[in-house]
Amino acid sequence: MLEEDPRLTLPRKDEGRRQQRGLILRSAAALYSLMAAFAFAWALVRENLDLFFHPHPALALPWHGGLWGGLLAGIGFGSVVVVLTKATSSRAGWARQLLLEMKSVLGALEPKDALYLAALSAISEELFFRGVLQSHLGLVWSSVIFGLVHIPRSKVFIIWTLEAVVMGFCLGLLFLYTGNLLAPIAAHFTINYWNLLFMIRYEETGQTGESTRGSA
């Protein structure tokens, strides 16, 4: 049997990766667009609902103070989570396994896709989970639901779901105390953007967390 010319297999592999990447990006765009559309439609139906401001904020901050304070608080909180995520991935086996699980789903992505997906997910999910659900169901239920939609393919990594519940509470508290959606959006974007870059570069090097700890 004649061996297959390796020059003929490379384009097939590259084409497969392009198709997988395109499918991921199109699916994300469709999902997050629907989520944002539902949030805005719900706000139109409920005329007293302002998606961007908490109906009963814990602190009576001026609008400009809440926006700037929320932006700084969100970026600061998100940065802390990113640092902890990288540190955990370099030291804990379960965290590295979870990273590999994510790579198997999003492995065809390129670094430039991180900005696109982080912006889509941060804005759409915060509009839906904080702007709509938290305003109607409260902090606890919106955080639990936020965690439940982050269910991995393998039950081994159910800890990811538990982490998402905790993260839902944290993002909800940012919304509650700053009084506006900019804080959780900034935190969500910071976390997703830098963690996606970390995951993609981790994949490209094919090395352990110890070698990629300095990647951003």
Protein backbone atom coordinates (compact mmCIF):
# COMPACT_ATOMS: atom_id res chain seq x y z
CA MET A 1 0.00 0.00 0.00
CA LEU A 2 1.33 3.39 -0.92
CA GLU A 3 1.89 5.81 1.92
CA GLU A 4 -0.18 8.96 1.86
CA ASP A 5 1.76 12.02 0.86
CA PRO A 6 2.10 14.17 4.04
CA ARG A 7 1.83 17.28 1.88
CA LEU A 8 -1.74 16.28 1.13
CA THR A 9 -2.74 15.75 4.79
CA LEU A 10 -1.67 19.14 6.11
CA PRO A 11 -4.26 21.16 4.16
CA ARG A 12 -6.95 18.76 5.32
CA LYS A 13 -5.97 19.28 8.94
CA ASP A 14 -5.83 23.05 8.51
CA GLU A 15 -9.19 23.06 6.76
CA GLY A 16 -10.68 21.04 9.60
CA ARG A 17 -9.39 23.53 12.16
CA ARG A 18 -10.79 26.45 10.15
CA GLN A 19 -14.17 24.78 9.95
CA GLN A 20 -14.17 24.00 13.67
CA ARG A 21 -13.14 27.57 14.52
CA GLY A 22 -15.83 29.00 12.26
CA LEU A 23 -18.46 26.77 13.85
CA ILE A 24 -17.43 27.84 17.36
CA LEU A 25 -17.50 31.54 16.51
CA ARG A 26 -20.82 31.35 14.66
CA SER A 27 -22.42 29.32 17.45
CA ALA A 28 -21.18 31.77 20.08
CA ALA A 29 -22.47 34.74 18.09
CA ALA A 30 -25.90 33.12 17.69
CA LEU A 31 -26.18 32.08 21.35
CA TYR A 32 -25.07 35.39 22.82
CA SER A 33 -27.14 37.41 20.36
CA LEU A 34 -30.23 35.48 21.41
CA MET A 35 -29.37 36.00 25.06
CA ALA A 36 -28.92 39.76 24.64
CA ALA A 37 -32.06 40.02 22.49
CA PHE A 38 -34.10 38.25 25.16
CA ALA A 39 -32.76 40.61 27.82
CA PHE A 40 -33.69 43.71 25.81
CA ALA A 41 -37.09 42.26 24.88
CA TRP A 42 -37.81 41.53 28.53
CA ALA A 43 -36.83 45.08 29.46
CA LEU A 44 -39.24 46.44 26.84
CA VAL A 45 -42.06 44.31 28.19
CA ARG A 46 -41.26 45.35 31.75
CA GLU A 47 -41.16 49.11 31.32
CA ASN A 48 -39.87 49.65 34.86
CA LEU A 49 -36.77 47.51 34.27
CA ASP A 50 -33.45 49.21 33.52
CA LEU A 51 -30.99 46.49 32.53
CA PHE A 52 -27.94 48.60 33.30
CA PHE A 53 -28.80 49.74 36.83
CA HIS A 54 -29.67 47.70 39.90
CA PRO A 55 -33.25 48.37 41.07
CA HIS A 56 -32.17 48.42 44.74
CA PRO A 57 -28.41 49.09 45.01
CA ALA A 58 -26.75 48.54 48.36
CA LEU A 59 -24.85 51.84 48.16
CA ALA A 60 -26.24 55.22 47.17
CA LEU A 61 -23.43 56.24 44.82
CA PRO A 62 -23.67 59.10 42.31
CA TRP A 63 -24.04 57.76 38.79
CA HIS A 64 -20.58 58.89 37.66
CA GLY A 65 -18.97 57.53 40.82
CA GLY A 66 -20.76 54.23 40.39
CA LEU A 67 -19.67 53.91 36.77
CA TRP A 68 -16.00 54.74 37.30
CA GLY A 69 -15.86 52.87 40.59
CA GLY A 70 -17.60 49.91 39.00
CA LEU A 71 -15.17 49.86 36.09
CA LEU A 72 -12.14 49.88 38.39
CA ALA A 73 -13.68 47.35 40.77
CA GLY A 74 -14.55 45.02 37.91
CA ILE A 75 -11.10 45.16 36.32
CA GLY A 76 -9.43 44.74 39.71
CA PHE A 77 -11.55 41.76 40.71
CA GLY A 78 -11.17 40.15 37.30
CA SER A 79 -7.40 40.54 37.42
CA VAL A 80 -7.23 38.80 40.80
CA VAL A 81 -9.27 35.89 39.44
CA VAL A 82 -6.99 35.59 36.39
CA VAL A 83 -3.87 35.46 38.59
CA LEU A 84 -5.44 32.80 40.83
CA THR A 85 -6.53 30.78 37.80
CA LYS A 86 -3.01 30.69 36.37
CA ALA A 87 -1.51 29.84 39.74
CA THR A 88 -3.99 27.00 40.26
CA SER A 89 -3.43 25.62 36.75
CA SER A 90 0.30 25.39 37.39
CA ARG A 91 -0.08 23.60 40.73
CA ALA A 92 -3.28 21.52 40.78
CA GLY A 93 -3.81 18.45 38.65
CA TRP A 94 -7.57 18.87 38.48
CA ALA A 95 -7.11 22.41 37.19
CA ARG A 96 -4.80 21.21 34.40
CA GLN A 97 -7.30 18.49 33.51
CA LEU A 98 -10.04 21.09 33.33
CA LEU A 99 -7.85 23.21 31.07
CA LEU A 100 -7.39 20.24 28.74
CA GLU A 101 -11.15 19.70 28.75
CA MET A 102 -11.68 23.29 27.66
CA LYS A 103 -9.01 22.95 24.99
CA SER A 104 -10.76 19.94 23.50
CA VAL A 105 -13.87 22.09 23.00
CA LEU A 106 -12.25 25.37 21.97
CA GLY A 107 -8.97 24.07 20.62
CA ALA A 108 -9.31 25.55 17.15
CA LEU A 109 -9.47 29.14 18.38
CA GLU A 110 -6.79 31.71 17.64
CA PRO A 111 -5.52 34.45 20.02
CA LYS A 112 -7.43 37.14 18.10
CA ASP A 113 -10.68 35.32 18.87
CA ALA A 114 -10.27 35.89 22.61
CA LEU A 115 -11.28 39.56 22.40
CA TYR A 116 -14.36 38.77 20.31
CA LEU A 117 -15.61 35.95 22.54
CA ALA A 118 -14.80 37.75 25.79
CA ALA A 119 -16.76 40.84 24.74
CA LEU A 120 -19.72 38.80 23.50
CA SER A 121 -19.95 36.63 26.59
CA ALA A 122 -19.37 39.42 29.11
CA ILE A 123 -22.00 41.79 27.72
CA SER A 124 -24.66 39.21 26.84
CA GLU A 125 -24.37 37.08 29.97
CA GLU A 126 -24.36 40.07 32.29
CA LEU A 127 -27.39 41.59 30.59
CA PHE A 128 -29.23 38.31 31.03
CA PHE A 129 -28.04 36.95 34.38
CA ARG A 130 -27.55 40.19 36.29
CA GLY A 131 -29.69 42.67 34.37
CA VAL A 132 -32.72 40.38 34.07
CA LEU A 133 -32.47 37.39 36.39
CA GLN A 134 -30.89 39.06 39.41
CA SER A 135 -33.30 41.98 39.17
CA HIS A 136 -36.24 39.54 39.26
CA LEU A 137 -35.06 36.43 41.11
CA GLY A 138 -32.46 37.91 43.42
CA LEU A 139 -28.76 37.25 43.97
CA VAL A 140 -29.01 33.61 45.10
CA TRP A 141 -31.14 32.16 42.33
CA SER A 142 -29.45 34.11 39.54
CA SER A 143 -26.06 32.88 40.77
CA VAL A 144 -27.20 29.26 41.00
CA ILE A 145 -28.67 29.37 37.50
CA PHE A 146 -25.48 31.01 36.22
CA GLY A 147 -23.50 28.08 37.65
CA LEU A 148 -25.85 25.43 36.27
CA VAL A 149 -25.41 26.61 32.68
CA HIS A 150 -21.65 26.10 33.08
CA ILE A 151 -21.83 22.32 33.14
CA PRO A 152 -18.86 20.56 31.49
CA ARG A 153 -19.09 17.50 29.29
CA SER A 154 -17.50 15.31 31.97
CA LYS A 155 -18.81 14.95 35.52
CA VAL A 156 -15.20 14.75 36.68
CA PHE A 157 -14.98 18.52 36.28
CA ILE A 158 -18.17 19.39 38.14
CA ILE A 159 -15.98 21.66 40.26
CA TRP A 160 -16.10 24.07 37.30
CA THR A 161 -19.84 24.38 37.84
CA LEU A 162 -19.32 25.07 41.54
CA GLU A 163 -16.74 27.72 40.66
CA ALA A 164 -19.25 29.32 38.30
CA VAL A 165 -21.82 29.50 41.10
CA VAL A 166 -19.29 31.28 43.31
CA MET A 167 -18.37 33.57 40.43
CA GLY A 168 -22.06 34.31 39.88
CA PHE A 169 -22.31 35.48 43.48
CA CYS A 170 -19.22 37.67 43.09
CA LEU A 171 -20.46 39.27 39.88
CA GLY A 172 -23.87 39.73 41.45
CA LEU A 173 -22.34 41.47 44.46
CA LEU A 174 -20.45 43.81 42.15
CA PHE A 175 -23.77 44.66 40.50
CA LEU A 176 -25.46 45.11 43.86
CA TYR A 177 -22.85 47.35 45.48
CA THR A 178 -21.87 49.50 42.51
CA GLY A 179 -25.45 49.75 41.33
CA ASN A 180 -24.61 49.36 37.64
CA LEU A 181 -23.80 46.63 35.14
CA LEU A 182 -20.44 48.05 34.13
CA ALA A 183 -18.68 46.43 37.10
CA PRO A 184 -19.70 42.81 36.39
CA ILE A 185 -19.21 43.32 32.64
CA ALA A 186 -15.66 44.61 33.20
CA ALA A 187 -14.88 41.72 35.57
CA HIS A 188 -16.41 39.13 33.26
CA PHE A 189 -14.55 40.47 30.23
CA THR A 190 -11.21 40.61 32.07
CA ILE A 191 -11.55 37.03 33.29
CA ASN A 192 -12.68 35.57 29.98
CA TYR A 193 -10.22 37.49 27.81
CA TRP A 194 -7.05 36.68 29.72
CA ASN A 195 -8.08 33.12 30.55
CA LEU A 196 -8.91 32.43 26.90
CA LEU A 197 -5.51 33.77 25.86
CA PHE A 198 -3.88 31.63 28.53
CA MET A 199 -5.73 28.55 27.31
CA ILE A 200 -4.91 29.18 23.64
CA ARG A 201 -1.22 29.81 24.27
CA TYR A 202 -1.07 26.85 26.60
CA GLU A 203 -2.29 24.73 23.72
CA GLU A 204 0.16 26.20 21.22
CA THR A 205 3.20 25.47 23.39
CA GLY A 206 1.91 22.05 24.42
CA GLN A 207 3.70 22.46 27.73
CA THR A 208 2.64 22.29 31.33
CA GLY A 209 1.31 25.13 33.45
CA GLU A 210 4.79 25.56 34.92
CA SER A 211 6.17 26.54 31.51
CA THR A 212 3.25 28.74 30.54
CA ARG A 213 2.81 30.51 33.84
CA GLY A 214 4.17 33.73 32.39
CA SER A 215 1.75 33.73 29.44
CA ALA A 216 -0.93 36.41 29.43
